[in-house]
Amino acid sequence: MQKEPPADCLGTVIKTARKSKGWTQAHLAGLLKITPRHLKAIENSDRKPSYDLFVRLIRHLDIPADTIIYPEIPFNTGQQMPR
């Protein structure tokens, strides 16, 4: 039986990927066309992104969706995802 990822996994992965790019919450929020407060709530696991926002997040951060589904597998932010 497979373990469930921690409830705060999504926010942690997003925050880690954002910081690895050297981006502020305000910068990423601007790219996503959301408020920094909304992004902060997602990173703190207080809100879940819509499917559309989830897709935009992983594309801007260049992280595969599997990173969130399987957080125990490390990701390489240097790899470019197809757009």
N, C-alpha and C. Protein backbone atom coordinates (compact mmCIF):
# COMPACT_ATOMS: atom_id res chain seq x y z
N MET A 1 0.83 -1.18 0.00
CA MET A 1 0.00 0.00 0.00
C MET A 1 0.88 1.25 0.00
N GLN A 2 0.55 2.19 -0.83
CA GLN A 2 1.35 3.41 -0.98
C GLN A 2 0.96 4.45 0.07
N LYS A 3 1.98 5.14 0.61
CA LYS A 3 1.73 6.19 1.59
C LYS A 3 1.12 7.41 0.93
N GLU A 4 0.24 8.08 1.65
CA GLU A 4 -0.31 9.35 1.19
C GLU A 4 0.72 10.44 1.45
N PRO A 5 0.88 11.39 0.51
CA PRO A 5 1.79 12.50 0.79
C PRO A 5 1.24 13.35 1.93
N PRO A 6 2.12 14.01 2.68
CA PRO A 6 1.63 14.86 3.77
C PRO A 6 0.70 15.94 3.24
N ALA A 7 -0.24 16.37 4.06
CA ALA A 7 -1.23 17.36 3.63
C ALA A 7 -0.58 18.67 3.20
N ASP A 8 0.55 19.01 3.80
CA ASP A 8 1.20 20.27 3.46
C ASP A 8 2.25 20.13 2.37
N CYS A 9 2.28 18.97 1.72
CA CYS A 9 3.29 18.69 0.70
C CYS A 9 3.25 19.69 -0.45
N LEU A 10 2.08 19.99 -0.97
CA LEU A 10 1.95 20.89 -2.11
C LEU A 10 2.58 22.25 -1.80
N GLY A 11 2.22 22.83 -0.68
CA GLY A 11 2.76 24.13 -0.31
C GLY A 11 4.26 24.10 -0.13
N THR A 12 4.77 23.04 0.49
CA THR A 12 6.21 22.92 0.71
C THR A 12 6.96 22.79 -0.60
N VAL A 13 6.46 21.99 -1.52
CA VAL A 13 7.11 21.83 -2.82
C VAL A 13 7.12 23.15 -3.58
N ILE A 14 6.00 23.85 -3.58
CA ILE A 14 5.91 25.13 -4.29
C ILE A 14 6.88 26.14 -3.69
N LYS A 15 6.90 26.23 -2.38
CA LYS A 15 7.78 27.18 -1.71
C LYS A 15 9.25 26.86 -1.98
N THR A 16 9.62 25.59 -1.91
CA THR A 16 11.00 25.17 -2.17
C THR A 16 11.40 25.49 -3.60
N ALA A 17 10.53 25.18 -4.56
CA ALA A 17 10.84 25.44 -5.97
C ALA A 17 10.95 26.94 -6.23
N ARG A 18 10.07 27.71 -5.63
CA ARG A 18 10.11 29.18 -5.81
C ARG A 18 11.42 29.74 -5.27
N LYS A 19 11.79 29.31 -4.08
CA LYS A 19 13.03 29.81 -3.47
C LYS A 19 14.26 29.36 -4.25
N SER A 20 14.22 28.16 -4.81
CA SER A 20 15.37 27.67 -5.58
C SER A 20 15.60 28.51 -6.84
N LYS A 21 14.55 29.16 -7.32
CA LYS A 21 14.67 30.06 -8.47
C LYS A 21 15.05 31.47 -8.04
N GLY A 22 15.07 31.71 -6.73
CA GLY A 22 15.40 33.03 -6.22
C GLY A 22 14.26 34.03 -6.36
N TRP A 23 13.04 33.52 -6.47
CA TRP A 23 11.87 34.37 -6.66
C TRP A 23 11.20 34.69 -5.33
N THR A 24 10.67 35.89 -5.23
CA THR A 24 9.84 36.26 -4.08
C THR A 24 8.42 35.78 -4.34
N GLN A 25 7.62 35.78 -3.29
CA GLN A 25 6.21 35.45 -3.46
C GLN A 25 5.55 36.46 -4.39
N ALA A 26 5.93 37.72 -4.26
CA ALA A 26 5.33 38.77 -5.11
C ALA A 26 5.66 38.53 -6.58
N HIS A 27 6.88 38.10 -6.87
CA HIS A 27 7.27 37.86 -8.27
C HIS A 27 6.45 36.71 -8.86
N LEU A 28 6.42 35.57 -8.15
CA LEU A 28 5.68 34.42 -8.66
C LEU A 28 4.19 34.73 -8.75
N ALA A 29 3.66 35.41 -7.75
CA ALA A 29 2.24 35.78 -7.78
C ALA A 29 1.94 36.63 -9.01
N GLY A 30 2.85 37.54 -9.35
CA GLY A 30 2.66 38.37 -10.54
C GLY A 30 2.63 37.54 -11.81
N LEU A 31 3.53 36.55 -11.91
CA LEU A 31 3.53 35.67 -13.08
C LEU A 31 2.23 34.87 -13.18
N LEU A 32 1.70 34.49 -12.03
CA LEU A 32 0.49 33.67 -11.99
C LEU A 32 -0.79 34.50 -12.06
N LYS A 33 -0.64 35.81 -11.93
CA LYS A 33 -1.79 36.74 -11.93
C LYS A 33 -2.73 36.46 -10.74
N ILE A 34 -2.09 36.24 -9.58
CA ILE A 34 -2.82 36.11 -8.32
C ILE A 34 -2.16 37.06 -7.32
N THR A 35 -2.78 37.25 -6.17
CA THR A 35 -2.18 38.12 -5.16
C THR A 35 -1.11 37.36 -4.38
N PRO A 36 -0.11 38.07 -3.87
CA PRO A 36 0.88 37.42 -3.01
C PRO A 36 0.23 36.75 -1.80
N ARG A 37 -0.85 37.33 -1.32
CA ARG A 37 -1.57 36.74 -0.18
C ARG A 37 -2.15 35.36 -0.54
N HIS A 38 -2.69 35.24 -1.75
CA HIS A 38 -3.22 33.97 -2.23
C HIS A 38 -2.10 32.94 -2.31
N LEU A 39 -0.95 33.33 -2.88
CA LEU A 39 0.18 32.41 -2.99
C LEU A 39 0.67 31.99 -1.61
N LYS A 40 0.75 32.94 -0.70
CA LYS A 40 1.18 32.63 0.67
C LYS A 40 0.24 31.59 1.30
N ALA A 41 -1.05 31.74 1.08
CA ALA A 41 -2.02 30.79 1.63
C ALA A 41 -1.81 29.39 1.04
N ILE A 42 -1.46 29.32 -0.24
CA ILE A 42 -1.19 28.02 -0.86
C ILE A 42 0.09 27.42 -0.28
N GLU A 43 1.15 28.23 -0.18
CA GLU A 43 2.42 27.74 0.37
C GLU A 43 2.28 27.30 1.82
N ASN A 44 1.39 27.93 2.57
CA ASN A 44 1.17 27.57 3.97
C ASN A 44 0.10 26.49 4.14
N SER A 45 -0.38 25.96 3.02
CA SER A 45 -1.40 24.91 3.00
C SER A 45 -2.73 25.35 3.62
N ASP A 46 -3.00 26.65 3.55
CA ASP A 46 -4.28 27.17 4.01
C ASP A 46 -5.32 27.16 2.89
N ARG A 47 -4.85 27.11 1.65
CA ARG A 47 -5.73 27.04 0.47
C ARG A 47 -5.14 26.05 -0.51
N LYS A 48 -6.01 25.47 -1.31
CA LYS A 48 -5.58 24.59 -2.39
C LYS A 48 -5.80 25.33 -3.70
N PRO A 49 -4.86 25.22 -4.64
CA PRO A 49 -5.05 25.90 -5.92
C PRO A 49 -6.08 25.17 -6.78
N SER A 50 -6.72 25.92 -7.65
CA SER A 50 -7.60 25.30 -8.64
C SER A 50 -6.72 24.48 -9.59
N TYR A 51 -7.35 23.64 -10.39
CA TYR A 51 -6.59 22.84 -11.35
C TYR A 51 -5.81 23.76 -12.29
N ASP A 52 -6.46 24.80 -12.79
CA ASP A 52 -5.80 25.74 -13.71
C ASP A 52 -4.59 26.39 -13.05
N LEU A 53 -4.73 26.83 -11.82
CA LEU A 53 -3.62 27.46 -11.11
C LEU A 53 -2.52 26.44 -10.83
N PHE A 54 -2.89 25.22 -10.49
CA PHE A 54 -1.91 24.15 -10.26
C PHE A 54 -1.05 23.96 -11.51
N VAL A 55 -1.68 23.90 -12.67
CA VAL A 55 -0.94 23.72 -13.93
C VAL A 55 0.00 24.90 -14.17
N ARG A 56 -0.49 26.12 -13.94
CA ARG A 56 0.36 27.31 -14.13
C ARG A 56 1.54 27.29 -13.14
N LEU A 57 1.29 26.86 -11.92
CA LEU A 57 2.36 26.78 -10.92
C LEU A 57 3.47 25.84 -11.37
N ILE A 58 3.11 24.62 -11.75
CA ILE A 58 4.16 23.67 -12.12
C ILE A 58 4.87 24.08 -13.40
N ARG A 59 4.19 24.77 -14.29
CA ARG A 59 4.85 25.24 -15.51
C ARG A 59 5.82 26.38 -15.23
N HIS A 60 5.40 27.37 -14.45
CA HIS A 60 6.29 28.49 -14.13
C HIS A 60 7.47 28.04 -13.29
N LEU A 61 7.25 27.08 -12.41
CA LEU A 61 8.32 26.62 -11.53
C LEU A 61 9.14 25.50 -12.15
N ASP A 62 8.74 25.03 -13.33
CA ASP A 62 9.45 23.95 -14.03
C ASP A 62 9.59 22.70 -13.16
N ILE A 63 8.49 22.31 -12.53
CA ILE A 63 8.50 21.09 -11.73
C ILE A 63 7.44 20.13 -12.27
N PRO A 64 7.75 18.83 -12.28
CA PRO A 64 6.75 17.86 -12.74
C PRO A 64 5.66 17.66 -11.68
N ALA A 65 4.47 17.37 -12.12
CA ALA A 65 3.36 17.10 -11.19
C ALA A 65 3.69 15.93 -10.27
N ASP A 66 4.48 14.98 -10.77
CA ASP A 66 4.87 13.83 -9.95
C ASP A 66 5.61 14.25 -8.68
N THR A 67 6.27 15.39 -8.71
CA THR A 67 6.98 15.88 -7.54
C THR A 67 6.02 16.11 -6.38
N ILE A 68 4.82 16.50 -6.70
CA ILE A 68 3.82 16.75 -5.66
C ILE A 68 3.13 15.45 -5.27
N ILE A 69 2.90 14.58 -6.24
CA ILE A 69 2.24 13.31 -5.98
C ILE A 69 3.17 12.35 -5.25
N TYR A 70 4.46 12.37 -5.63
CA TYR A 70 5.48 11.51 -5.02
C TYR A 70 6.58 12.38 -4.44
N PRO A 71 6.35 13.03 -3.30
CA PRO A 71 7.32 14.00 -2.77
C PRO A 71 8.65 13.39 -2.33
N GLU A 72 8.69 12.08 -2.14
CA GLU A 72 9.94 11.45 -1.71
C GLU A 72 10.97 11.36 -2.83
N ILE A 73 10.55 11.59 -4.07
CA ILE A 73 11.46 11.56 -5.21
C ILE A 73 11.95 12.98 -5.46
N PRO A 74 13.28 13.23 -5.37
CA PRO A 74 13.77 14.60 -5.56
C PRO A 74 13.57 15.07 -7.00
N PHE A 75 13.43 16.38 -7.17
CA PHE A 75 13.27 16.94 -8.50
C PHE A 75 14.44 17.85 -8.82
N ASN A 76 14.69 18.01 -10.11
CA ASN A 76 15.77 18.85 -10.60
C ASN A 76 15.15 20.04 -11.28
N THR A 77 15.27 21.23 -10.68
CA THR A 77 14.65 22.42 -11.26
C THR A 77 15.36 22.87 -12.53
N GLY A 78 16.50 22.27 -12.84
CA GLY A 78 17.22 22.64 -14.05
C GLY A 78 16.63 22.01 -15.30
N GLN A 79 15.76 21.03 -15.14
CA GLN A 79 15.14 20.39 -16.29
C GLN A 79 13.97 21.21 -16.77
N GLN A 80 13.90 21.43 -18.05
CA GLN A 80 12.81 22.22 -18.64
C GLN A 80 11.65 21.30 -18.98
N MET A 81 10.47 21.68 -18.55
CA MET A 81 9.27 20.92 -18.90
C MET A 81 8.73 21.39 -20.23
N PRO A 82 8.13 20.49 -21.01
CA PRO A 82 7.49 20.93 -22.26
C PRO A 82 6.31 21.82 -21.94
N ARG A 83 6.07 22.82 -22.77
CA ARG A 83 4.97 23.76 -22.54
C ARG A 83 3.87 23.56 -23.53
